[in-house]
Amino acid sequence: MTRLTRAGLALLRKADAAAVAVERRLVDAFTPDEADRLRDLLERAVVVLEDRPPGE
């Protein structure tokens, strides 16, 4: 079993808070319709990327 150290856990929490802040900034930059469209496009991009053979 792998566990984070206290320092690692603190760093993970800090990184998570930073990611949430970025997500909020992005959401605030778009209208609800634009945010929905962006989400749809990003989901589609993930599907395309997951379909690629390993190493691509």
N, C-alpha and C. Protein backbone atom coordinates (compact mmCIF):
# COMPACT_ATOMS: atom_id res chain seq x y z
N MET A 1 0.83 -1.17 0.00
CA MET A 1 0.00 0.00 0.00
C MET A 1 0.88 1.24 0.00
N THR A 2 0.50 2.21 -0.77
CA THR A 2 1.24 3.46 -0.86
C THR A 2 0.46 4.55 -0.13
N ARG A 3 1.17 5.35 0.62
CA ARG A 3 0.54 6.46 1.35
C ARG A 3 1.35 7.72 1.16
N LEU A 4 0.65 8.82 1.22
CA LEU A 4 1.32 10.12 1.16
C LEU A 4 1.87 10.49 2.52
N THR A 5 2.98 11.18 2.50
CA THR A 5 3.50 11.75 3.73
C THR A 5 2.64 12.96 4.08
N ARG A 6 2.83 13.52 5.25
CA ARG A 6 2.09 14.74 5.60
C ARG A 6 2.40 15.86 4.62
N ALA A 7 3.67 15.97 4.26
CA ALA A 7 4.07 17.01 3.31
C ALA A 7 3.44 16.74 1.94
N GLY A 8 3.39 15.48 1.54
CA GLY A 8 2.77 15.14 0.27
C GLY A 8 1.28 15.43 0.27
N LEU A 9 0.62 15.13 1.37
CA LEU A 9 -0.81 15.41 1.49
C LEU A 9 -1.07 16.92 1.46
N ALA A 10 -0.23 17.68 2.13
CA ALA A 10 -0.38 19.13 2.12
C ALA A 10 -0.19 19.68 0.70
N LEU A 11 0.78 19.14 -0.01
CA LEU A 11 1.02 19.57 -1.39
C LEU A 11 -0.15 19.19 -2.29
N LEU A 12 -0.70 18.01 -2.10
CA LEU A 12 -1.87 17.58 -2.87
C LEU A 12 -3.05 18.52 -2.63
N ARG A 13 -3.29 18.88 -1.39
CA ARG A 13 -4.39 19.80 -1.08
C ARG A 13 -4.17 21.17 -1.71
N LYS A 14 -2.93 21.64 -1.70
CA LYS A 14 -2.60 22.93 -2.30
C LYS A 14 -2.81 22.87 -3.82
N ALA A 15 -2.38 21.79 -4.44
CA ALA A 15 -2.56 21.63 -5.89
C ALA A 15 -4.04 21.53 -6.24
N ASP A 16 -4.80 20.84 -5.43
CA ASP A 16 -6.24 20.71 -5.69
C ASP A 16 -6.92 22.07 -5.59
N ALA A 17 -6.57 22.85 -4.59
CA ALA A 17 -7.15 24.19 -4.44
C ALA A 17 -6.79 25.07 -5.65
N ALA A 18 -5.57 24.94 -6.14
CA ALA A 18 -5.15 25.71 -7.31
C ALA A 18 -5.95 25.28 -8.55
N ALA A 19 -6.17 23.99 -8.70
CA ALA A 19 -6.95 23.49 -9.84
C ALA A 19 -8.38 23.98 -9.78
N VAL A 20 -8.97 23.98 -8.59
CA VAL A 20 -10.34 24.48 -8.43
C VAL A 20 -10.40 25.96 -8.79
N ALA A 21 -9.40 26.72 -8.40
CA ALA A 21 -9.37 28.15 -8.72
C ALA A 21 -9.31 28.37 -10.23
N VAL A 22 -8.52 27.57 -10.92
CA VAL A 22 -8.44 27.68 -12.38
C VAL A 22 -9.78 27.33 -13.01
N GLU A 23 -10.41 26.26 -12.53
CA GLU A 23 -11.72 25.86 -13.06
C GLU A 23 -12.75 26.98 -12.87
N ARG A 24 -12.73 27.61 -11.72
CA ARG A 24 -13.68 28.71 -11.45
C ARG A 24 -13.43 29.89 -12.38
N ARG A 25 -12.15 30.21 -12.61
CA ARG A 25 -11.83 31.31 -13.53
C ARG A 25 -12.33 31.01 -14.93
N LEU A 26 -12.17 29.78 -15.37
CA LEU A 26 -12.64 29.40 -16.69
C LEU A 26 -14.16 29.49 -16.78
N VAL A 27 -14.85 28.97 -15.79
CA VAL A 27 -16.31 28.99 -15.80
C VAL A 27 -16.81 30.44 -15.80
N ASP A 28 -16.18 31.28 -15.04
CA ASP A 28 -16.59 32.68 -14.96
C ASP A 28 -16.38 33.43 -16.28
N ALA A 29 -15.50 32.92 -17.14
CA ALA A 29 -15.19 33.59 -18.40
C ALA A 29 -16.21 33.29 -19.50
N PHE A 30 -17.09 32.32 -19.27
CA PHE A 30 -18.04 31.90 -20.29
C PHE A 30 -19.47 32.05 -19.81
N THR A 31 -20.37 32.26 -20.76
CA THR A 31 -21.79 32.20 -20.43
C THR A 31 -22.13 30.74 -20.14
N PRO A 32 -23.25 30.48 -19.49
CA PRO A 32 -23.63 29.07 -19.25
C PRO A 32 -23.70 28.24 -20.54
N ASP A 33 -24.22 28.82 -21.61
CA ASP A 33 -24.28 28.08 -22.89
C ASP A 33 -22.88 27.80 -23.43
N GLU A 34 -21.99 28.79 -23.33
CA GLU A 34 -20.62 28.59 -23.80
C GLU A 34 -19.91 27.53 -22.96
N ALA A 35 -20.12 27.56 -21.65
CA ALA A 35 -19.50 26.58 -20.77
C ALA A 35 -19.99 25.17 -21.10
N ASP A 36 -21.29 25.04 -21.39
CA ASP A 36 -21.84 23.74 -21.78
C ASP A 36 -21.20 23.25 -23.08
N ARG A 37 -21.06 24.16 -24.04
CA ARG A 37 -20.45 23.80 -25.33
C ARG A 37 -19.00 23.40 -25.14
N LEU A 38 -18.26 24.15 -24.33
CA LEU A 38 -16.87 23.82 -24.06
C LEU A 38 -16.76 22.45 -23.41
N ARG A 39 -17.60 22.18 -22.45
CA ARG A 39 -17.60 20.88 -21.76
C ARG A 39 -17.86 19.76 -22.77
N ASP A 40 -18.84 19.96 -23.64
CA ASP A 40 -19.14 18.95 -24.66
C ASP A 40 -17.94 18.70 -25.58
N LEU A 41 -17.30 19.77 -26.00
CA LEU A 41 -16.14 19.63 -26.88
C LEU A 41 -14.97 18.94 -26.18
N LEU A 42 -14.75 19.29 -24.92
CA LEU A 42 -13.66 18.65 -24.17
C LEU A 42 -13.94 17.17 -23.94
N GLU A 43 -15.19 16.83 -23.65
CA GLU A 43 -15.55 15.42 -23.48
C GLU A 43 -15.31 14.65 -24.78
N ARG A 44 -15.65 15.27 -25.90
CA ARG A 44 -15.43 14.64 -27.20
C ARG A 44 -13.93 14.45 -27.45
N ALA A 45 -13.13 15.44 -27.09
CA ALA A 45 -11.68 15.34 -27.26
C ALA A 45 -11.12 14.19 -26.43
N VAL A 46 -11.61 14.01 -25.22
CA VAL A 46 -11.14 12.92 -24.37
C VAL A 46 -11.46 11.58 -25.01
N VAL A 47 -12.67 11.45 -25.55
CA VAL A 47 -13.05 10.20 -26.22
C VAL A 47 -12.11 9.90 -27.37
N VAL A 48 -11.81 10.92 -28.17
CA VAL A 48 -10.91 10.73 -29.31
C VAL A 48 -9.53 10.31 -28.83
N LEU A 49 -9.02 10.98 -27.81
CA LEU A 49 -7.67 10.67 -27.32
C LEU A 49 -7.60 9.29 -26.67
N GLU A 50 -8.66 8.87 -26.02
CA GLU A 50 -8.66 7.55 -25.39
C GLU A 50 -8.73 6.44 -26.42
N ASP A 51 -9.20 6.72 -27.60
CA ASP A 51 -9.31 5.73 -28.66
C ASP A 51 -7.99 5.48 -29.38
N ARG A 52 -7.02 6.31 -29.14
CA ARG A 52 -5.73 6.17 -29.83
C ARG A 52 -4.94 4.99 -29.27
N PRO A 53 -4.17 4.35 -30.13
CA PRO A 53 -3.31 3.25 -29.65
C PRO A 53 -2.29 3.79 -28.64
N PRO A 54 -1.83 2.94 -27.73
CA PRO A 54 -0.82 3.38 -26.74
C PRO A 54 0.41 3.95 -27.44
N GLY A 55 0.94 5.00 -26.85
CA GLY A 55 2.15 5.63 -27.38
C GLY A 55 1.88 6.77 -28.34
N GLU A 56 0.63 6.98 -28.68
CA GLU A 56 0.32 8.10 -29.58
C GLU A 56 -0.21 9.26 -28.83
